[in-house]
Amino acid sequence: TDYIFKFLVEKTHQFSLFNDEGNVGSIDEPVRDFP
């Protein structure tokens, strides 16, 4: 699944692109899904 990278959430771990729950934490809605 592709996402547009926009900003890192300050509370998100500095090395992590995703939040602790495993959900997208710092990028917007998906721009494309692939089979």
PDB file of all heavy atoms in Angstrom:
ATOM      1  N   THR A   1       0.856  -1.186   0.000  1.00  0.00           N
ATOM      2  CA  THR A   1       0.000   0.000   0.000  1.00  0.00           C
ATOM      3  C   THR A   1       0.888   1.230   0.000  1.00  0.00           C
ATOM      4  O   THR A   1       1.796   1.341   0.826  1.00  0.00           O
ATOM      5  CB  THR A   1      -0.915   0.031   1.247  1.00  0.00           C
ATOM      6  OG1 THR A   1      -1.626  -1.215   1.347  1.00  0.00           O
ATOM      7  CG2 THR A   1      -1.917   1.166   1.147  1.00  0.00           C
ATOM      8  N   ASP A   2       0.652   2.142  -0.931  1.00  0.00           N
ATOM      9  CA  ASP A   2       1.469   3.351  -1.055  1.00  0.00           C
ATOM     10  C   ASP A   2       0.828   4.526  -0.336  1.00  0.00           C
ATOM     11  O   ASP A   2      -0.393   4.714  -0.389  1.00  0.00           O
ATOM     12  CB  ASP A   2       1.674   3.713  -2.524  1.00  0.00           C
ATOM     13  CG  ASP A   2       2.694   2.816  -3.204  1.00  0.00           C
ATOM     14  OD1 ASP A   2       3.257   1.938  -2.525  1.00  0.00           O
ATOM     15  OD2 ASP A   2       2.935   3.013  -4.409  1.00  0.00           O
ATOM     16  N   TYR A   3       1.699   5.309   0.330  1.00  0.00           N
ATOM     17  CA  TYR A   3       1.254   6.495   1.054  1.00  0.00           C
ATOM     18  C   TYR A   3       2.148   7.679   0.704  1.00  0.00           C
ATOM     19  O   TYR A   3       3.342   7.519   0.455  1.00  0.00           O
ATOM     20  CB  TYR A   3       1.345   6.284   2.566  1.00  0.00           C
ATOM     21  CG  TYR A   3       0.447   5.201   3.117  1.00  0.00           C
ATOM     22  CD1 TYR A   3       0.882   3.875   3.164  1.00  0.00           C
ATOM     23  CD2 TYR A   3      -0.813   5.492   3.608  1.00  0.00           C
ATOM     24  CE1 TYR A   3       0.079   2.871   3.678  1.00  0.00           C
ATOM     25  CE2 TYR A   3      -1.627   4.498   4.124  1.00  0.00           C
ATOM     26  CZ  TYR A   3      -1.177   3.190   4.167  1.00  0.00           C
ATOM     27  OH  TYR A   3      -1.976   2.206   4.690  1.00  0.00           O
ATOM     28  N   ILE A   4       1.575   8.864   0.740  1.00  0.00           N
ATOM     29  CA  ILE A   4       2.361  10.089   0.585  1.00  0.00           C
ATOM     30  C   ILE A   4       2.991  10.431   1.932  1.00  0.00           C
ATOM     31  O   ILE A   4       2.297  10.599   2.932  1.00  0.00           O
ATOM     32  CB  ILE A   4       1.490  11.253   0.084  1.00  0.00           C
ATOM     33  CG1 ILE A   4       0.958  10.959  -1.329  1.00  0.00           C
ATOM     34  CG2 ILE A   4       2.283  12.559   0.083  1.00  0.00           C
ATOM     35  CD1 ILE A   4       0.005  12.011  -1.855  1.00  0.00           C
ATOM     36  N   PHE A   5       4.300  10.546   1.940  1.00  0.00           N
ATOM     37  CA  PHE A   5       5.028  10.881   3.155  1.00  0.00           C
ATOM     38  C   PHE A   5       4.896  12.387   3.418  1.00  0.00           C
ATOM     39  O   PHE A   5       5.290  13.196   2.613  1.00  0.00           O
ATOM     40  CB  PHE A   5       6.498  10.498   2.947  1.00  0.00           C
ATOM     41  CG  PHE A   5       7.432  10.972   4.011  1.00  0.00           C
ATOM     42  CD1 PHE A   5       7.196  10.682   5.340  1.00  0.00           C
ATOM     43  CD2 PHE A   5       8.570  11.685   3.672  1.00  0.00           C
ATOM     44  CE1 PHE A   5       8.076  11.110   6.322  1.00  0.00           C
ATOM     45  CE2 PHE A   5       9.459  12.111   4.634  1.00  0.00           C
ATOM     46  CZ  PHE A   5       9.216  11.818   5.962  1.00  0.00           C
ATOM     47  N   LYS A   6       4.349  12.767   4.525  1.00  0.00           N
ATOM     48  CA  LYS A   6       4.133  14.192   4.784  1.00  0.00           C
ATOM     49  C   LYS A   6       4.893  14.704   6.001  1.00  0.00           C
ATOM     50  O   LYS A   6       5.600  15.686   5.918  1.00  0.00           O
ATOM     51  CB  LYS A   6       2.639  14.488   4.940  1.00  0.00           C
ATOM     52  CG  LYS A   6       1.882  14.492   3.622  1.00  0.00           C
ATOM     53  CD  LYS A   6       0.486  15.058   3.798  1.00  0.00           C
ATOM     54  CE  LYS A   6      -0.180  15.235   2.450  1.00  0.00           C
ATOM     55  NZ  LYS A   6      -1.544  15.797   2.575  1.00  0.00           N
ATOM     56  N   PHE A   7       4.734  14.081   7.111  1.00  0.00           N
ATOM     57  CA  PHE A   7       5.444  14.589   8.282  1.00  0.00           C
ATOM     58  C   PHE A   7       5.521  13.501   9.340  1.00  0.00           C
ATOM     59  O   PHE A   7       4.725  12.570   9.350  1.00  0.00           O
ATOM     60  CB  PHE A   7       4.729  15.811   8.856  1.00  0.00           C
ATOM     61  CG  PHE A   7       3.302  15.538   9.256  1.00  0.00           C
ATOM     62  CD1 PHE A   7       2.985  15.074  10.527  1.00  0.00           C
ATOM     63  CD2 PHE A   7       2.274  15.752   8.346  1.00  0.00           C
ATOM     64  CE1 PHE A   7       1.670  14.822  10.882  1.00  0.00           C
ATOM     65  CE2 PHE A   7       0.948  15.499   8.703  1.00  0.00           C
ATOM     66  CZ  PHE A   7       0.651  15.041   9.973  1.00  0.00           C
ATOM     67  N   LEU A   8       6.521  13.628  10.192  1.00  0.00           N
ATOM     68  CA  LEU A   8       6.663  12.704  11.315  1.00  0.00           C
ATOM     69  C   LEU A   8       5.947  13.298  12.520  1.00  0.00           C
ATOM     70  O   LEU A   8       6.178  14.448  12.890  1.00  0.00           O
ATOM     71  CB  LEU A   8       8.137  12.482  11.646  1.00  0.00           C
ATOM     72  CG  LEU A   8       8.912  11.584  10.682  1.00  0.00           C
ATOM     73  CD1 LEU A   8      10.394  11.612  11.034  1.00  0.00           C
ATOM     74  CD2 LEU A   8       8.404  10.174  10.743  1.00  0.00           C
ATOM     75  N   VAL A   9       5.085  12.526  13.130  1.00  0.00           N
ATOM     76  CA  VAL A   9       4.407  12.965  14.338  1.00  0.00           C
ATOM     77  C   VAL A   9       5.420  13.030  15.476  1.00  0.00           C
ATOM     78  O   VAL A   9       6.197  12.099  15.685  1.00  0.00           O
ATOM     79  CB  VAL A   9       3.264  11.988  14.700  1.00  0.00           C
ATOM     80  CG1 VAL A   9       2.570  12.415  15.995  1.00  0.00           C
ATOM     81  CG2 VAL A   9       2.268  11.910  13.551  1.00  0.00           C
ATOM     82  N   GLU A  10       5.436  14.129  16.211  1.00  0.00           N
ATOM     83  CA  GLU A  10       6.446  14.325  17.241  1.00  0.00           C
ATOM     84  C   GLU A  10       6.446  13.215  18.278  1.00  0.00           C
ATOM     85  O   GLU A  10       7.493  12.824  18.796  1.00  0.00           O
ATOM     86  CB  GLU A  10       6.227  15.672  17.935  1.00  0.00           C
ATOM     87  CG  GLU A  10       6.537  16.861  17.043  1.00  0.00           C
ATOM     88  CD  GLU A  10       6.384  18.175  17.776  1.00  0.00           C
ATOM     89  OE1 GLU A  10       6.031  18.134  18.974  1.00  0.00           O
ATOM     90  OE2 GLU A  10       6.625  19.218  17.167  1.00  0.00           O
ATOM     91  N   LYS A  11       5.290  12.663  18.575  1.00  0.00           N
ATOM     92  CA  LYS A  11       5.216  11.623  19.593  1.00  0.00           C
ATOM     93  C   LYS A  11       5.631  10.258  19.077  1.00  0.00           C
ATOM     94  O   LYS A  11       5.829   9.321  19.843  1.00  0.00           O
ATOM     95  CB  LYS A  11       3.792  11.548  20.158  1.00  0.00           C
ATOM     96  CG  LYS A  11       3.390  12.782  20.947  1.00  0.00           C
ATOM     97  CD  LYS A  11       2.003  12.618  21.534  1.00  0.00           C
ATOM     98  CE  LYS A  11       1.596  13.855  22.330  1.00  0.00           C
ATOM     99  NZ  LYS A  11       0.237  13.716  22.889  1.00  0.00           N
ATOM    100  N   THR A  12       5.739  10.135  17.720  1.00  0.00           N
ATOM    101  CA  THR A  12       6.157   8.866  17.142  1.00  0.00           C
ATOM    102  C   THR A  12       7.630   8.649  17.424  1.00  0.00           C
ATOM    103  O   THR A  12       8.420   9.583  17.420  1.00  0.00           O
ATOM    104  CB  THR A  12       5.916   8.871  15.614  1.00  0.00           C
ATOM    105  OG1 THR A  12       4.541   9.113  15.370  1.00  0.00           O
ATOM    106  CG2 THR A  12       6.301   7.535  15.001  1.00  0.00           C
ATOM    107  N   HIS A  13       8.006   7.402  17.655  1.00  0.00           N
ATOM    108  CA  HIS A  13       9.409   7.075  17.916  1.00  0.00           C
ATOM    109  C   HIS A  13      10.270   7.617  16.794  1.00  0.00           C
ATOM    110  O   HIS A  13       9.938   7.515  15.622  1.00  0.00           O
ATOM    111  CB  HIS A  13       9.572   5.553  18.004  1.00  0.00           C
ATOM    112  CG  HIS A  13      10.880   5.140  18.587  1.00  0.00           C
ATOM    113  ND1 HIS A  13      12.058   5.256  17.913  1.00  0.00           N
ATOM    114  CD2 HIS A  13      11.191   4.630  19.814  1.00  0.00           C
ATOM    115  CE1 HIS A  13      13.044   4.816  18.674  1.00  0.00           C
ATOM    116  NE2 HIS A  13      12.554   4.436  19.828  1.00  0.00           N
ATOM    117  N   GLN A  14      11.408   8.206  17.124  1.00  0.00           N
ATOM    118  CA  GLN A  14      12.227   8.907  16.143  1.00  0.00           C
ATOM    119  C   GLN A  14      12.693   8.020  14.994  1.00  0.00           C
ATOM    120  O   GLN A  14      12.941   8.515  13.898  1.00  0.00           O
ATOM    121  CB  GLN A  14      13.459   9.531  16.810  1.00  0.00           C
ATOM    122  CG  GLN A  14      14.415   8.522  17.427  1.00  0.00           C
ATOM    123  CD  GLN A  14      15.652   9.182  17.985  1.00  0.00           C
ATOM    124  OE1 GLN A  14      16.048  10.238  17.521  1.00  0.00           O
ATOM    125  NE2 GLN A  14      16.270   8.576  18.975  1.00  0.00           N
ATOM    126  N   PHE A  15      12.803   6.713  15.210  1.00  0.00           N
ATOM    127  CA  PHE A  15      13.251   5.837  14.137  1.00  0.00           C
ATOM    128  C   PHE A  15      12.095   5.136  13.442  1.00  0.00           C
ATOM    129  O   PHE A  15      12.303   4.405  12.494  1.00  0.00           O
ATOM    130  CB  PHE A  15      14.210   4.769  14.682  1.00  0.00           C
ATOM    131  CG  PHE A  15      15.570   5.299  15.027  1.00  0.00           C
ATOM    132  CD1 PHE A  15      15.969   5.376  16.346  1.00  0.00           C
ATOM    133  CD2 PHE A  15      16.430   5.720  14.041  1.00  0.00           C
ATOM    134  CE1 PHE A  15      17.217   5.862  16.670  1.00  0.00           C
ATOM    135  CE2 PHE A  15      17.683   6.204  14.361  1.00  0.00           C
ATOM    136  CZ  PHE A  15      18.075   6.281  15.680  1.00  0.00           C
ATOM    137  N   SER A  16      10.872   5.324  13.935  1.00  0.00           N
ATOM    138  CA  SER A  16       9.764   4.512  13.450  1.00  0.00           C
ATOM    139  C   SER A  16       8.842   5.295  12.544  1.00  0.00           C
ATOM    140  O   SER A  16       8.459   6.416  12.841  1.00  0.00           O
ATOM    141  CB  SER A  16       8.953   3.954  14.630  1.00  0.00           C
ATOM    142  OG  SER A  16       7.879   3.190  14.156  1.00  0.00           O
ATOM    143  N   LEU A  17       8.477   4.690  11.434  1.00  0.00           N
ATOM    144  CA  LEU A  17       7.543   5.305  10.506  1.00  0.00           C
ATOM    145  C   LEU A  17       6.107   5.084  10.949  1.00  0.00           C
ATOM    146  O   LEU A  17       5.205   5.796  10.533  1.00  0.00           O
ATOM    147  CB  LEU A  17       7.753   4.700   9.114  1.00  0.00           C
ATOM    148  CG  LEU A  17       6.964   5.275   7.937  1.00  0.00           C
ATOM    149  CD1 LEU A  17       7.357   6.718   7.690  1.00  0.00           C
ATOM    150  CD2 LEU A  17       7.205   4.452   6.695  1.00  0.00           C
ATOM    151  N   PHE A  18       5.888   4.085  11.787  1.00  0.00           N
ATOM    152  CA  PHE A  18       4.539   3.709  12.192  1.00  0.00           C
ATOM    153  C   PHE A  18       4.400   3.784  13.700  1.00  0.00           C
ATOM    154  O   PHE A  18       5.380   3.746  14.430  1.00  0.00           O
ATOM    155  CB  PHE A  18       4.210   2.297  11.688  1.00  0.00           C
ATOM    156  CG  PHE A  18       4.276   2.203  10.197  1.00  0.00           C
ATOM    157  CD1 PHE A  18       5.481   1.923   9.562  1.00  0.00           C
ATOM    158  CD2 PHE A  18       3.162   2.434   9.436  1.00  0.00           C
ATOM    159  CE1 PHE A  18       5.550   1.860   8.190  1.00  0.00           C
ATOM    160  CE2 PHE A  18       3.230   2.364   8.057  1.00  0.00           C
ATOM    161  CZ  PHE A  18       4.432   2.083   7.426  1.00  0.00           C
ATOM    162  N   ASN A  19       3.170   3.921  14.169  1.00  0.00           N
ATOM    163  CA  ASN A  19       2.967   4.068  15.602  1.00  0.00           C
ATOM    164  C   ASN A  19       2.990   2.731  16.323  1.00  0.00           C
ATOM    165  O   ASN A  19       3.117   1.676  15.709  1.00  0.00           O
ATOM    166  CB  ASN A  19       1.670   4.848  15.889  1.00  0.00           C
ATOM    167  CG  ASN A  19       0.434   4.091  15.445  1.00  0.00           C
ATOM    168  OD1 ASN A  19       0.422   2.871  15.377  1.00  0.00           O
ATOM    169  ND2 ASN A  19      -0.621   4.819  15.137  1.00  0.00           N
ATOM    170  N   ASP A  20       2.890   2.784  17.649  1.00  0.00           N
ATOM    171  CA  ASP A  20       3.063   1.587  18.461  1.00  0.00           C
ATOM    172  C   ASP A  20       2.004   0.534  18.225  1.00  0.00           C
ATOM    173  O   ASP A  20       2.182  -0.630  18.546  1.00  0.00           O
ATOM    174  CB  ASP A  20       3.085   1.956  19.955  1.00  0.00           C
ATOM    175  CG  ASP A  20       4.334   2.749  20.313  1.00  0.00           C
ATOM    176  OD1 ASP A  20       5.329   2.630  19.571  1.00  0.00           O
ATOM    177  OD2 ASP A  20       4.303   3.471  21.313  1.00  0.00           O
ATOM    178  N   GLU A  21       0.851   0.946  17.691  1.00  0.00           N
ATOM    179  CA  GLU A  21      -0.214  -0.015  17.424  1.00  0.00           C
ATOM    180  C   GLU A  21      -0.056  -0.689  16.071  1.00  0.00           C
ATOM    181  O   GLU A  21      -0.862  -1.510  15.662  1.00  0.00           O
ATOM    182  CB  GLU A  21      -1.587   0.675  17.483  1.00  0.00           C
ATOM    183  CG  GLU A  21      -2.042   1.050  18.890  1.00  0.00           C
ATOM    184  CD  GLU A  21      -1.241   2.203  19.463  1.00  0.00           C
ATOM    185  OE1 GLU A  21      -0.921   3.134  18.690  1.00  0.00           O
ATOM    186  OE2 GLU A  21      -0.924   2.175  20.659  1.00  0.00           O
ATOM    187  N   GLY A  22       0.975  -0.288  15.338  1.00  0.00           N
ATOM    188  CA  GLY A  22       1.212  -0.901  14.039  1.00  0.00           C
ATOM    189  C   GLY A  22       0.461  -0.217  12.916  1.00  0.00           C
ATOM    190  O   GLY A  22       0.489  -0.661  11.775  1.00  0.00           O
ATOM    191  N   ASN A  23      -0.201   0.893  13.220  1.00  0.00           N
ATOM    192  CA  ASN A  23      -0.939   1.626  12.198  1.00  0.00           C
ATOM    193  C   ASN A  23      -0.079   2.748  11.647  1.00  0.00           C
ATOM    194  O   ASN A  23       0.896   3.177  12.261  1.00  0.00           O
ATOM    195  CB  ASN A  23      -2.222   2.221  12.792  1.00  0.00           C
ATOM    196  CG  ASN A  23      -3.132   1.162  13.346  1.00  0.00           C
ATOM    197  OD1 ASN A  23      -3.348   0.137  12.710  1.00  0.00           O
ATOM    198  ND2 ASN A  23      -3.638   1.386  14.550  1.00  0.00           N
ATOM    199  N   VAL A  24      -0.460   3.250  10.482  1.00  0.00           N
ATOM    200  CA  VAL A  24       0.281   4.350   9.898  1.00  0.00           C
ATOM    201  C   VAL A  24       0.173   5.541  10.830  1.00  0.00           C
ATOM    202  O   VAL A  24      -0.917   5.967  11.192  1.00  0.00           O
ATOM    203  CB  VAL A  24      -0.284   4.688   8.505  1.00  0.00           C
ATOM    204  CG1 VAL A  24       0.430   5.895   7.932  1.00  0.00           C
ATOM    205  CG2 VAL A  24      -0.108   3.489   7.576  1.00  0.00           C
ATOM    206  N   GLY A  25       1.336   6.089  11.228  1.00  0.00           N
ATOM    207  CA  GLY A  25       1.316   7.158  12.208  1.00  0.00           C
ATOM    208  C   GLY A  25       1.738   8.504  11.680  1.00  0.00           C
ATOM    209  O   GLY A  25       1.480   9.524  12.304  1.00  0.00           O
ATOM    210  N   SER A  26       2.421   8.548  10.524  1.00  0.00           N
ATOM    211  CA  SER A  26       2.968   9.824  10.101  1.00  0.00           C
ATOM    212  C   SER A  26       2.829  10.065   8.606  1.00  0.00           C
ATOM    213  O   SER A  26       3.497  10.916   8.049  1.00  0.00           O
ATOM    214  CB  SER A  26       4.454   9.871  10.474  1.00  0.00           C
ATOM    215  OG  SER A  26       5.121   8.791   9.887  1.00  0.00           O
ATOM    216  N   ILE A  27       1.994   9.326   7.950  1.00  0.00           N
ATOM    217  CA  ILE A  27       1.744   9.532   6.547  1.00  0.00           C
ATOM    218  C   ILE A  27       0.248   9.517   6.295  1.00  0.00           C
ATOM    219  O   ILE A  27      -0.523   9.002   7.093  1.00  0.00           O
ATOM    220  CB  ILE A  27       2.453   8.468   5.678  1.00  0.00           C
ATOM    221  CG1 ILE A  27       2.301   7.079   6.273  1.00  0.00           C
ATOM    222  CG2 ILE A  27       3.905   8.800   5.505  1.00  0.00           C
ATOM    223  CD1 ILE A  27       3.069   6.007   5.538  1.00  0.00           C
ATOM    224  N   ASP A  28      -0.171  10.119   5.214  1.00  0.00           N
ATOM    225  CA  ASP A  28      -1.582  10.389   4.994  1.00  0.00           C
ATOM    226  C   ASP A  28      -2.314   9.147   4.480  1.00  0.00           C
ATOM    227  O   ASP A  28      -1.813   8.033   4.520  1.00  0.00           O
ATOM    228  CB  ASP A  28      -1.702  11.536   3.985  1.00  0.00           C
ATOM    229  CG  ASP A  28      -2.942  12.374   4.210  1.00  0.00           C
ATOM    230  OD1 ASP A  28      -3.816  11.955   4.998  1.00  0.00           O
ATOM    231  OD2 ASP A  28      -3.038  13.423   3.583  1.00  0.00           O
ATOM    232  N   GLU A  29      -3.532   9.357   3.992  1.00  0.00           N
ATOM    233  CA  GLU A  29      -4.341   8.257   3.472  1.00  0.00           C
ATOM    234  C   GLU A  29      -3.635   7.585   2.293  1.00  0.00           C
ATOM    235  O   GLU A  29      -2.855   8.209   1.577  1.00  0.00           O
ATOM    236  CB  GLU A  29      -5.705   8.792   3.018  1.00  0.00           C
ATOM    237  CG  GLU A  29      -6.565   9.284   4.162  1.00  0.00           C
ATOM    238  CD  GLU A  29      -6.846   8.180   5.177  1.00  0.00           C
ATOM    239  OE1 GLU A  29      -7.214   7.072   4.760  1.00  0.00           O
ATOM    240  OE2 GLU A  29      -6.675   8.428   6.377  1.00  0.00           O
ATOM    241  N   PRO A  30      -3.874   6.301   2.072  1.00  0.00           N
ATOM    242  CA  PRO A  30      -3.189   5.603   0.971  1.00  0.00           C
ATOM    243  C   PRO A  30      -3.528   6.212  -0.379  1.00  0.00           C
ATOM    244  O   PRO A  30      -4.650   6.629  -0.626  1.00  0.00           O
ATOM    245  CB  PRO A  30      -3.716   4.165   1.085  1.00  0.00           C
ATOM    246  CG  PRO A  30      -4.975   4.266   1.882  1.00  0.00           C
ATOM    247  CD  PRO A  30      -4.779   5.412   2.811  1.00  0.00           C
ATOM    248  N   VAL A  31      -2.521   6.270  -1.246  1.00  0.00           N
ATOM    249  CA  VAL A  31      -2.740   6.778  -2.595  1.00  0.00           C
ATOM    250  C   VAL A  31      -2.964   5.641  -3.581  1.00  0.00           C
ATOM    251  O   VAL A  31      -3.484   5.853  -4.670  1.00  0.00           O
ATOM    252  CB  VAL A  31      -1.558   7.653  -3.071  1.00  0.00           C
ATOM    253  CG1 VAL A  31      -1.474   8.919  -2.244  1.00  0.00           C
ATOM    254  CG2 VAL A  31      -0.247   6.889  -3.012  1.00  0.00           C
ATOM    255  N   ARG A  32      -2.555   4.422  -3.172  1.00  0.00           N
ATOM    256  CA  ARG A  32      -2.786   3.280  -4.060  1.00  0.00           C
ATOM    257  C   ARG A  32      -2.652   1.979  -3.287  1.00  0.00           C
ATOM    258  O   ARG A  32      -1.754   1.834  -2.457  1.00  0.00           O
ATOM    259  CB  ARG A  32      -1.786   3.294  -5.224  1.00  0.00           C
ATOM    260  CG  ARG A  32      -2.069   2.215  -6.267  1.00  0.00           C
ATOM    261  CD  ARG A  32      -1.153   2.355  -7.462  1.00  0.00           C
ATOM    262  NE  ARG A  32      -1.415   1.313  -8.440  1.00  0.00           N
ATOM    263  CZ  ARG A  32      -0.710   1.127  -9.555  1.00  0.00           C
ATOM    264  NH1 ARG A  32       0.283   1.941  -9.842  1.00  0.00           N
ATOM    265  NH2 ARG A  32      -1.002   0.146 -10.380  1.00  0.00           N
ATOM    266  N   ASP A  33      -3.564   1.065  -3.564  1.00  0.00           N
ATOM    267  CA  ASP A  33      -3.502  -0.291  -3.026  1.00  0.00           C
ATOM    268  C   ASP A  33      -3.133  -1.249  -4.150  1.00  0.00           C
ATOM    269  O   ASP A  33      -3.572  -1.078  -5.293  1.00  0.00           O
ATOM    270  CB  ASP A  33      -4.859  -0.712  -2.450  1.00  0.00           C
ATOM    271  CG  ASP A  33      -4.989  -0.348  -0.990  1.00  0.00           C
ATOM    272  OD1 ASP A  33      -3.973  -0.390  -0.279  1.00  0.00           O
ATOM    273  OD2 ASP A  33      -6.105  -0.028  -0.557  1.00  0.00           O
ATOM    274  N   PHE A  34      -2.367  -2.265  -3.819  1.00  0.00           N
ATOM    275  CA  PHE A  34      -1.953  -3.254  -4.807  1.00  0.00           C
ATOM    276  C   PHE A  34      -2.477  -4.626  -4.398  1.00  0.00           C
ATOM    277  O   PHE A  34      -2.624  -4.912  -3.214  1.00  0.00           O
ATOM    278  CB  PHE A  34      -0.431  -3.293  -4.924  1.00  0.00           C
ATOM    279  CG  PHE A  34       0.176  -2.039  -5.481  1.00  0.00           C
ATOM    280  CD1 PHE A  34       0.395  -0.938  -4.675  1.00  0.00           C
ATOM    281  CD2 PHE A  34       0.506  -1.956  -6.825  1.00  0.00           C
ATOM    282  CE1 PHE A  34       0.941   0.227  -5.180  1.00  0.00           C
ATOM    283  CE2 PHE A  34       1.059  -0.790  -7.347  1.00  0.00           C
ATOM    284  CZ  PHE A  34       1.271   0.301  -6.523  1.00  0.00           C
ATOM    285  N   PRO A  35      -2.759  -5.480  -5.360  1.00  0.00           N
ATOM    286  CA  PRO A  35      -3.253  -6.824  -5.021  1.00  0.00           C
ATOM    287  C   PRO A  35      -2.174  -7.657  -4.340  1.00  0.00           C
ATOM    288  O   PRO A  35      -0.973  -7.390  -4.487  1.00  0.00           O
ATOM    289  CB  PRO A  35      -3.634  -7.422  -6.382  1.00  0.00           C
ATOM    290  CG  PRO A  35      -2.811  -6.665  -7.375  1.00  0.00           C
ATOM    291  CD  PRO A  35      -2.673  -5.277  -6.826  1.00  0.00           C
TER     292      PRO A  35
END
